[in-house]
Amino acid sequence: AHLKGLRLFSYDHNPVKAPPSVADTVTLVG
């Protein structure tokens, strides 16, 4: 969440159990 410049984060096809915590301005793919 502290990565304030982040706008798009793709984490798809990783063995994670839950989406990562990011700022509200970030689009997530996964």
PDB file of all heavy atoms in Angstrom:
ATOM      1  N   ALA A   1       0.816  -1.215   0.000  1.00  0.00           N
ATOM      2  CA  ALA A   1       0.000   0.000   0.000  1.00  0.00           C
ATOM      3  C   ALA A   1       0.852   1.269   0.000  1.00  0.00           C
ATOM      4  O   ALA A   1       0.375   2.329  -0.406  1.00  0.00           O
ATOM      5  CB  ALA A   1      -0.938  -0.009   1.207  1.00  0.00           C
ATOM      6  N   HIS A   2       2.108   1.168   0.439  1.00  0.00           N
ATOM      7  CA  HIS A   2       2.960   2.362   0.498  1.00  0.00           C
ATOM      8  C   HIS A   2       3.546   2.732  -0.856  1.00  0.00           C
ATOM      9  O   HIS A   2       4.134   3.808  -1.000  1.00  0.00           O
ATOM     10  CB  HIS A   2       4.101   2.131   1.490  1.00  0.00           C
ATOM     11  CG  HIS A   2       5.093   1.094   1.038  1.00  0.00           C
ATOM     12  ND1 HIS A   2       4.804  -0.259   1.062  1.00  0.00           N
ATOM     13  CD2 HIS A   2       6.343   1.214   0.528  1.00  0.00           C
ATOM     14  CE1 HIS A   2       5.846  -0.926   0.606  1.00  0.00           C
ATOM     15  NE2 HIS A   2       6.787  -0.054   0.267  1.00  0.00           N
ATOM     16  N   LEU A   3       3.384   1.864  -1.872  1.00  0.00           N
ATOM     17  CA  LEU A   3       3.900   2.163  -3.215  1.00  0.00           C
ATOM     18  C   LEU A   3       2.903   3.082  -3.914  1.00  0.00           C
ATOM     19  O   LEU A   3       2.078   2.650  -4.714  1.00  0.00           O
ATOM     20  CB  LEU A   3       4.125   0.866  -4.000  1.00  0.00           C
ATOM     21  CG  LEU A   3       5.154  -0.107  -3.412  1.00  0.00           C
ATOM     22  CD1 LEU A   3       5.261  -1.356  -4.287  1.00  0.00           C
ATOM     23  CD2 LEU A   3       6.518   0.567  -3.259  1.00  0.00           C
ATOM     24  N   LYS A   4       2.991   4.362  -3.610  1.00  0.00           N
ATOM     25  CA  LYS A   4       1.972   5.327  -4.032  1.00  0.00           C
ATOM     26  C   LYS A   4       1.960   5.564  -5.536  1.00  0.00           C
ATOM     27  O   LYS A   4       0.947   6.002  -6.088  1.00  0.00           O
ATOM     28  CB  LYS A   4       2.201   6.660  -3.301  1.00  0.00           C
ATOM     29  CG  LYS A   4       2.095   6.552  -1.781  1.00  0.00           C
ATOM     30  CD  LYS A   4       0.739   6.012  -1.346  1.00  0.00           C
ATOM     31  CE  LYS A   4       0.607   5.985   0.173  1.00  0.00           C
ATOM     32  NZ  LYS A   4      -0.677   5.405   0.624  1.00  0.00           N
ATOM     33  N   GLY A   5       3.056   5.288  -6.217  1.00  0.00           N
ATOM     34  CA  GLY A   5       3.083   5.508  -7.660  1.00  0.00           C
ATOM     35  C   GLY A   5       2.474   4.371  -8.456  1.00  0.00           C
ATOM     36  O   GLY A   5       2.171   4.525  -9.645  1.00  0.00           O
ATOM     37  N   LEU A   6       2.284   3.212  -7.815  1.00  0.00           N
ATOM     38  CA  LEU A   6       1.826   2.015  -8.517  1.00  0.00           C
ATOM     39  C   LEU A   6       0.406   2.196  -9.055  1.00  0.00           C
ATOM     40  O   LEU A   6      -0.491   2.658  -8.345  1.00  0.00           O
ATOM     41  CB  LEU A   6       1.875   0.816  -7.571  1.00  0.00           C
ATOM     42  CG  LEU A   6       1.857  -0.578  -8.215  1.00  0.00           C
ATOM     43  CD1 LEU A   6       3.046  -0.768  -9.127  1.00  0.00           C
ATOM     44  CD2 LEU A   6       1.841  -1.661  -7.130  1.00  0.00           C
ATOM     45  N   ARG A   7       0.217   1.825 -10.324  1.00  0.00           N
ATOM     46  CA  ARG A   7      -1.099   1.928 -10.965  1.00  0.00           C
ATOM     47  C   ARG A   7      -1.605   0.571 -11.457  1.00  0.00           C
ATOM     48  O   ARG A   7      -2.810   0.366 -11.551  1.00  0.00           O
ATOM     49  CB  ARG A   7      -1.028   2.915 -12.133  1.00  0.00           C
ATOM     50  CG  ARG A   7      -0.767   4.357 -11.714  1.00  0.00           C
ATOM     51  CD  ARG A   7      -1.927   4.897 -10.889  1.00  0.00           C
ATOM     52  NE  ARG A   7      -1.675   6.249 -10.376  1.00  0.00           N
ATOM     53  CZ  ARG A   7      -1.160   6.513  -9.199  1.00  0.00           C
ATOM     54  NH1 ARG A   7      -0.823   5.510  -8.393  1.00  0.00           N
ATOM     55  NH2 ARG A   7      -0.982   7.749  -8.795  1.00  0.00           N
ATOM     56  N   LEU A   8      -0.703  -0.340 -11.791  1.00  0.00           N
ATOM     57  CA  LEU A   8      -1.098  -1.661 -12.276  1.00  0.00           C
ATOM     58  C   LEU A   8      -0.155  -2.709 -11.706  1.00  0.00           C
ATOM     59  O   LEU A   8       1.062  -2.591 -11.846  1.00  0.00           O
ATOM     60  CB  LEU A   8      -1.058  -1.703 -13.808  1.00  0.00           C
ATOM     61  CG  LEU A   8      -1.342  -3.077 -14.447  1.00  0.00           C
ATOM     62  CD1 LEU A   8      -2.767  -3.526 -14.153  1.00  0.00           C
ATOM     63  CD2 LEU A   8      -1.101  -3.025 -15.955  1.00  0.00           C
ATOM     64  N   PHE A   9      -0.736  -3.728 -11.060  1.00  0.00           N
ATOM     65  CA  PHE A   9       0.069  -4.815 -10.504  1.00  0.00           C
ATOM     66  C   PHE A   9      -0.552  -6.143 -10.909  1.00  0.00           C
ATOM     67  O   PHE A   9      -1.701  -6.436 -10.580  1.00  0.00           O
ATOM     68  CB  PHE A   9       0.145  -4.704  -8.982  1.00  0.00           C
ATOM     69  CG  PHE A   9       0.937  -5.815  -8.344  1.00  0.00           C
ATOM     70  CD1 PHE A   9       2.152  -6.218  -8.868  1.00  0.00           C
ATOM     71  CD2 PHE A   9       0.469  -6.467  -7.219  1.00  0.00           C
ATOM     72  CE1 PHE A   9       2.881  -7.243  -8.298  1.00  0.00           C
ATOM     73  CE2 PHE A   9       1.193  -7.493  -6.625  1.00  0.00           C
ATOM     74  CZ  PHE A   9       2.404  -7.878  -7.172  1.00  0.00           C
ATOM     75  N   SER A  10       0.222  -6.949 -11.642  1.00  0.00           N
ATOM     76  CA  SER A  10      -0.230  -8.266 -12.072  1.00  0.00           C
ATOM     77  C   SER A  10       0.504  -9.335 -11.267  1.00  0.00           C
ATOM     78  O   SER A  10       1.735  -9.369 -11.271  1.00  0.00           O
ATOM     79  CB  SER A  10       0.020  -8.463 -13.570  1.00  0.00           C
ATOM     80  OG  SER A  10      -0.370  -9.766 -13.968  1.00  0.00           O
ATOM     81  N   TYR A  11      -0.270 -10.187 -10.607  1.00  0.00           N
ATOM     82  CA  TYR A  11       0.305 -11.271  -9.808  1.00  0.00           C
ATOM     83  C   TYR A  11      -0.314 -12.615 -10.190  1.00  0.00           C
ATOM     84  O   TYR A  11      -0.175 -13.604  -9.467  1.00  0.00           O
ATOM     85  CB  TYR A  11       0.071 -11.001  -8.312  1.00  0.00           C
ATOM     86  CG  TYR A  11      -1.393 -10.988  -7.940  1.00  0.00           C
ATOM     87  CD1 TYR A  11      -2.023 -12.132  -7.465  1.00  0.00           C
ATOM     88  CD2 TYR A  11      -2.152  -9.831  -8.088  1.00  0.00           C
ATOM     89  CE1 TYR A  11      -3.371 -12.129  -7.138  1.00  0.00           C
ATOM     90  CE2 TYR A  11      -3.500  -9.822  -7.765  1.00  0.00           C
ATOM     91  CZ  TYR A  11      -4.102 -10.970  -7.295  1.00  0.00           C
ATOM     92  OH  TYR A  11      -5.440 -10.960  -6.982  1.00  0.00           O
ATOM     93  N   ASP A  12      -0.973 -12.675 -11.323  1.00  0.00           N
ATOM     94  CA  ASP A  12      -1.719 -13.863 -11.728  1.00  0.00           C
ATOM     95  C   ASP A  12      -0.797 -15.077 -11.856  1.00  0.00           C
ATOM     96  O   ASP A  12       0.401 -14.962 -12.081  1.00  0.00           O
ATOM     97  CB  ASP A  12      -2.412 -13.592 -13.066  1.00  0.00           C
ATOM     98  CG  ASP A  12      -3.676 -14.425 -13.231  1.00  0.00           C
ATOM     99  OD1 ASP A  12      -4.090 -15.066 -12.254  1.00  0.00           O
ATOM    100  OD2 ASP A  12      -4.243 -14.410 -14.335  1.00  0.00           O
ATOM    101  N   HIS A  13      -1.400 -16.262 -11.700  1.00  0.00           N
ATOM    102  CA  HIS A  13      -0.685 -17.536 -11.841  1.00  0.00           C
ATOM    103  C   HIS A  13       0.475 -17.667 -10.858  1.00  0.00           C
ATOM    104  O   HIS A  13       1.543 -18.179 -11.189  1.00  0.00           O
ATOM    105  CB  HIS A  13      -0.186 -17.714 -13.284  1.00  0.00           C
ATOM    106  CG  HIS A  13      -1.285 -17.651 -14.300  1.00  0.00           C
ATOM    107  ND1 HIS A  13      -1.528 -16.521 -15.042  1.00  0.00           N
ATOM    108  CD2 HIS A  13      -2.211 -18.565 -14.672  1.00  0.00           C
ATOM    109  CE1 HIS A  13      -2.562 -16.743 -15.840  1.00  0.00           C
ATOM    110  NE2 HIS A  13      -2.997 -17.968 -15.634  1.00  0.00           N
ATOM    111  N   ASN A  14       0.280 -17.163  -9.644  1.00  0.00           N
ATOM    112  CA  ASN A  14       1.162 -17.433  -8.513  1.00  0.00           C
ATOM    113  C   ASN A  14       0.329 -18.186  -7.469  1.00  0.00           C
ATOM    114  O   ASN A  14      -0.884 -17.978  -7.383  1.00  0.00           O
ATOM    115  CB  ASN A  14       1.700 -16.130  -7.910  1.00  0.00           C
ATOM    116  CG  ASN A  14       2.868 -15.568  -8.691  1.00  0.00           C
ATOM    117  OD1 ASN A  14       4.006 -15.994  -8.553  1.00  0.00           O
ATOM    118  ND2 ASN A  14       2.564 -14.593  -9.550  1.00  0.00           N
ATOM    119  N   PRO A  15       0.936 -19.047  -6.665  1.00  0.00           N
ATOM    120  CA  PRO A  15       0.165 -19.834  -5.691  1.00  0.00           C
ATOM    121  C   PRO A  15      -0.201 -19.056  -4.432  1.00  0.00           C
ATOM    122  O   PRO A  15       0.037 -19.504  -3.311  1.00  0.00           O
ATOM    123  CB  PRO A  15       1.114 -21.002  -5.380  1.00  0.00           C
ATOM    124  CG  PRO A  15       2.480 -20.424  -5.571  1.00  0.00           C
ATOM    125  CD  PRO A  15       2.355 -19.463  -6.721  1.00  0.00           C
ATOM    126  N   VAL A  16      -0.787 -17.868  -4.603  1.00  0.00           N
ATOM    127  CA  VAL A  16      -1.181 -17.048  -3.452  1.00  0.00           C
ATOM    128  C   VAL A  16      -2.621 -17.378  -3.057  1.00  0.00           C
ATOM    129  O   VAL A  16      -3.427 -17.803  -3.885  1.00  0.00           O
ATOM    130  CB  VAL A  16      -1.055 -15.547  -3.777  1.00  0.00           C
ATOM    131  CG1 VAL A  16       0.395 -15.156  -3.968  1.00  0.00           C
ATOM    132  CG2 VAL A  16      -1.861 -15.188  -5.010  1.00  0.00           C
ATOM    133  N   LYS A  17      -2.934 -17.159  -1.782  1.00  0.00           N
ATOM    134  CA  LYS A  17      -4.269 -17.472  -1.284  1.00  0.00           C
ATOM    135  C   LYS A  17      -5.191 -16.254  -1.297  1.00  0.00           C
ATOM    136  O   LYS A  17      -6.409 -16.402  -1.218  1.00  0.00           O
ATOM    137  CB  LYS A  17      -4.175 -18.036   0.136  1.00  0.00           C
ATOM    138  CG  LYS A  17      -3.431 -19.367   0.208  1.00  0.00           C
ATOM    139  CD  LYS A  17      -3.378 -19.894   1.635  1.00  0.00           C
ATOM    140  CE  LYS A  17      -2.656 -21.238   1.697  1.00  0.00           C
ATOM    141  NZ  LYS A  17      -2.579 -21.753   3.099  1.00  0.00           N
ATOM    142  N   ALA A  18      -4.594 -15.066  -1.352  1.00  0.00           N
ATOM    143  CA  ALA A  18      -5.415 -13.855  -1.320  1.00  0.00           C
ATOM    144  C   ALA A  18      -4.707 -12.758  -2.100  1.00  0.00           C
ATOM    145  O   ALA A  18      -3.476 -12.771  -2.226  1.00  0.00           O
ATOM    146  CB  ALA A  18      -5.645 -13.414   0.124  1.00  0.00           C
ATOM    147  N   PRO A  19      -5.449 -11.811  -2.639  1.00  0.00           N
ATOM    148  CA  PRO A  19      -4.827 -10.693  -3.353  1.00  0.00           C
ATOM    149  C   PRO A  19      -3.947  -9.865  -2.424  1.00  0.00           C
ATOM    150  O   PRO A  19      -4.204  -9.787  -1.221  1.00  0.00           O
ATOM    151  CB  PRO A  19      -6.030  -9.874  -3.845  1.00  0.00           C
ATOM    152  CG  PRO A  19      -7.185 -10.817  -3.807  1.00  0.00           C
ATOM    153  CD  PRO A  19      -6.911 -11.741  -2.671  1.00  0.00           C
ATOM    154  N   PRO A  20      -2.902  -9.250  -2.941  1.00  0.00           N
ATOM    155  CA  PRO A  20      -2.035  -8.419  -2.111  1.00  0.00           C
ATOM    156  C   PRO A  20      -2.732  -7.130  -1.699  1.00  0.00           C
ATOM    157  O   PRO A  20      -3.670  -6.669  -2.353  1.00  0.00           O
ATOM    158  CB  PRO A  20      -0.839  -8.133  -3.034  1.00  0.00           C
ATOM    159  CG  PRO A  20      -1.399  -8.265  -4.412  1.00  0.00           C
ATOM    160  CD  PRO A  20      -2.439  -9.333  -4.334  1.00  0.00           C
ATOM    161  N   SER A  21      -2.259  -6.541  -0.621  1.00  0.00           N
ATOM    162  CA  SER A  21      -2.789  -5.269  -0.149  1.00  0.00           C
ATOM    163  C   SER A  21      -2.092  -4.138  -0.896  1.00  0.00           C
ATOM    164  O   SER A  21      -0.859  -4.018  -0.868  1.00  0.00           O
ATOM    165  CB  SER A  21      -2.554  -5.127   1.356  1.00  0.00           C
ATOM    166  OG  SER A  21      -2.984  -3.861   1.812  1.00  0.00           O
ATOM    167  N   VAL A  22      -2.875  -3.322  -1.595  1.00  0.00           N
ATOM    168  CA  VAL A  22      -2.329  -2.211  -2.384  1.00  0.00           C
ATOM    169  C   VAL A  22      -3.165  -0.965  -2.136  1.00  0.00           C
ATOM    170  O   VAL A  22      -4.234  -1.024  -1.524  1.00  0.00           O
ATOM    171  CB  VAL A  22      -2.330  -2.543  -3.897  1.00  0.00           C
ATOM    172  CG1 VAL A  22      -1.391  -3.697  -4.198  1.00  0.00           C
ATOM    173  CG2 VAL A  22      -3.744  -2.860  -4.373  1.00  0.00           C
ATOM    174  N   ALA A  23      -2.678   0.165  -2.622  1.00  0.00           N
ATOM    175  CA  ALA A  23      -3.435   1.411  -2.513  1.00  0.00           C
ATOM    176  C   ALA A  23      -4.699   1.334  -3.367  1.00  0.00           C
ATOM    177  O   ALA A  23      -4.789   0.547  -4.302  1.00  0.00           O
ATOM    178  CB  ALA A  23      -2.560   2.593  -2.938  1.00  0.00           C
ATOM    179  N   ASP A  24      -5.663   2.174  -3.048  1.00  0.00           N
ATOM    180  CA  ASP A  24      -6.945   2.146  -3.753  1.00  0.00           C
ATOM    181  C   ASP A  24      -6.834   2.546  -5.218  1.00  0.00           C
ATOM    182  O   ASP A  24      -7.758   2.302  -5.998  1.00  0.00           O
ATOM    183  CB  ASP A  24      -7.942   3.080  -3.057  1.00  0.00           C
ATOM    184  CG  ASP A  24      -8.397   2.527  -1.711  1.00  0.00           C
ATOM    185  OD1 ASP A  24      -8.290   1.303  -1.515  1.00  0.00           O
ATOM    186  OD2 ASP A  24      -8.850   3.317  -0.860  1.00  0.00           O
ATOM    187  N   THR A  25      -5.725   3.173  -5.610  1.00  0.00           N
ATOM    188  CA  THR A  25      -5.557   3.628  -6.990  1.00  0.00           C
ATOM    189  C   THR A  25      -4.971   2.547  -7.908  1.00  0.00           C
ATOM    190  O   THR A  25      -4.792   2.789  -9.099  1.00  0.00           O
ATOM    191  CB  THR A  25      -4.632   4.854  -7.026  1.00  0.00           C
ATOM    192  OG1 THR A  25      -3.420   4.556  -6.312  1.00  0.00           O
ATOM    193  CG2 THR A  25      -5.304   6.059  -6.382  1.00  0.00           C
ATOM    194  N   VAL A  26      -4.689   1.366  -7.361  1.00  0.00           N
ATOM    195  CA  VAL A  26      -4.007   0.312  -8.125  1.00  0.00           C
ATOM    196  C   VAL A  26      -5.011  -0.643  -8.758  1.00  0.00           C
ATOM    197  O   VAL A  26      -5.931  -1.133  -8.082  1.00  0.00           O
ATOM    198  CB  VAL A  26      -3.040  -0.487  -7.226  1.00  0.00           C
ATOM    199  CG1 VAL A  26      -2.330  -1.581  -8.027  1.00  0.00           C
ATOM    200  CG2 VAL A  26      -2.017   0.452  -6.600  1.00  0.00           C
ATOM    201  N   THR A  27      -4.833  -0.928 -10.045  1.00  0.00           N
ATOM    202  CA  THR A  27      -5.594  -1.975 -10.721  1.00  0.00           C
ATOM    203  C   THR A  27      -4.858  -3.294 -10.557  1.00  0.00           C
ATOM    204  O   THR A  27      -3.665  -3.383 -10.850  1.00  0.00           O
ATOM    205  CB  THR A  27      -5.751  -1.651 -12.220  1.00  0.00           C
ATOM    206  OG1 THR A  27      -6.506  -0.439 -12.362  1.00  0.00           O
ATOM    207  CG2 THR A  27      -6.481  -2.783 -12.947  1.00  0.00           C
ATOM    208  N   LEU A  28      -5.556  -4.318 -10.084  1.00  0.00           N
ATOM    209  CA  LEU A  28      -4.958  -5.630  -9.843  1.00  0.00           C
ATOM    210  C   LEU A  28      -5.370  -6.611 -10.935  1.00  0.00           C
ATOM    211  O   LEU A  28      -6.497  -6.569 -11.432  1.00  0.00           O
ATOM    212  CB  LEU A  28      -5.397  -6.169  -8.484  1.00  0.00           C
ATOM    213  CG  LEU A  28      -4.836  -5.467  -7.249  1.00  0.00           C
ATOM    214  CD1 LEU A  28      -5.534  -5.968  -5.994  1.00  0.00           C
ATOM    215  CD2 LEU A  28      -3.329  -5.679  -7.131  1.00  0.00           C
ATOM    216  N   VAL A  29      -4.439  -7.499 -11.271  1.00  0.00           N
ATOM    217  CA  VAL A  29      -4.710  -8.573 -12.222  1.00  0.00           C
ATOM    218  C   VAL A  29      -4.257  -9.877 -11.573  1.00  0.00           C
ATOM    219  O   VAL A  29      -3.069 -10.067 -11.326  1.00  0.00           O
ATOM    220  CB  VAL A  29      -3.977  -8.367 -13.560  1.00  0.00           C
ATOM    221  CG1 VAL A  29      -4.285  -9.539 -14.507  1.00  0.00           C
ATOM    222  CG2 VAL A  29      -4.375  -7.045 -14.202  1.00  0.00           C
ATOM    223  N   GLY A  30      -5.222 -10.757 -11.292  1.00  0.00           N
ATOM    224  CA  GLY A  30      -4.871 -12.024 -10.655  1.00  0.00           C
ATOM    225  C   GLY A  30      -6.081 -12.646  -9.990  1.00  0.00           C
ATOM    226  O   GLY A  30      -7.188 -12.082  -9.984  1.00  0.00           O
TER     227      GLY A  30
END
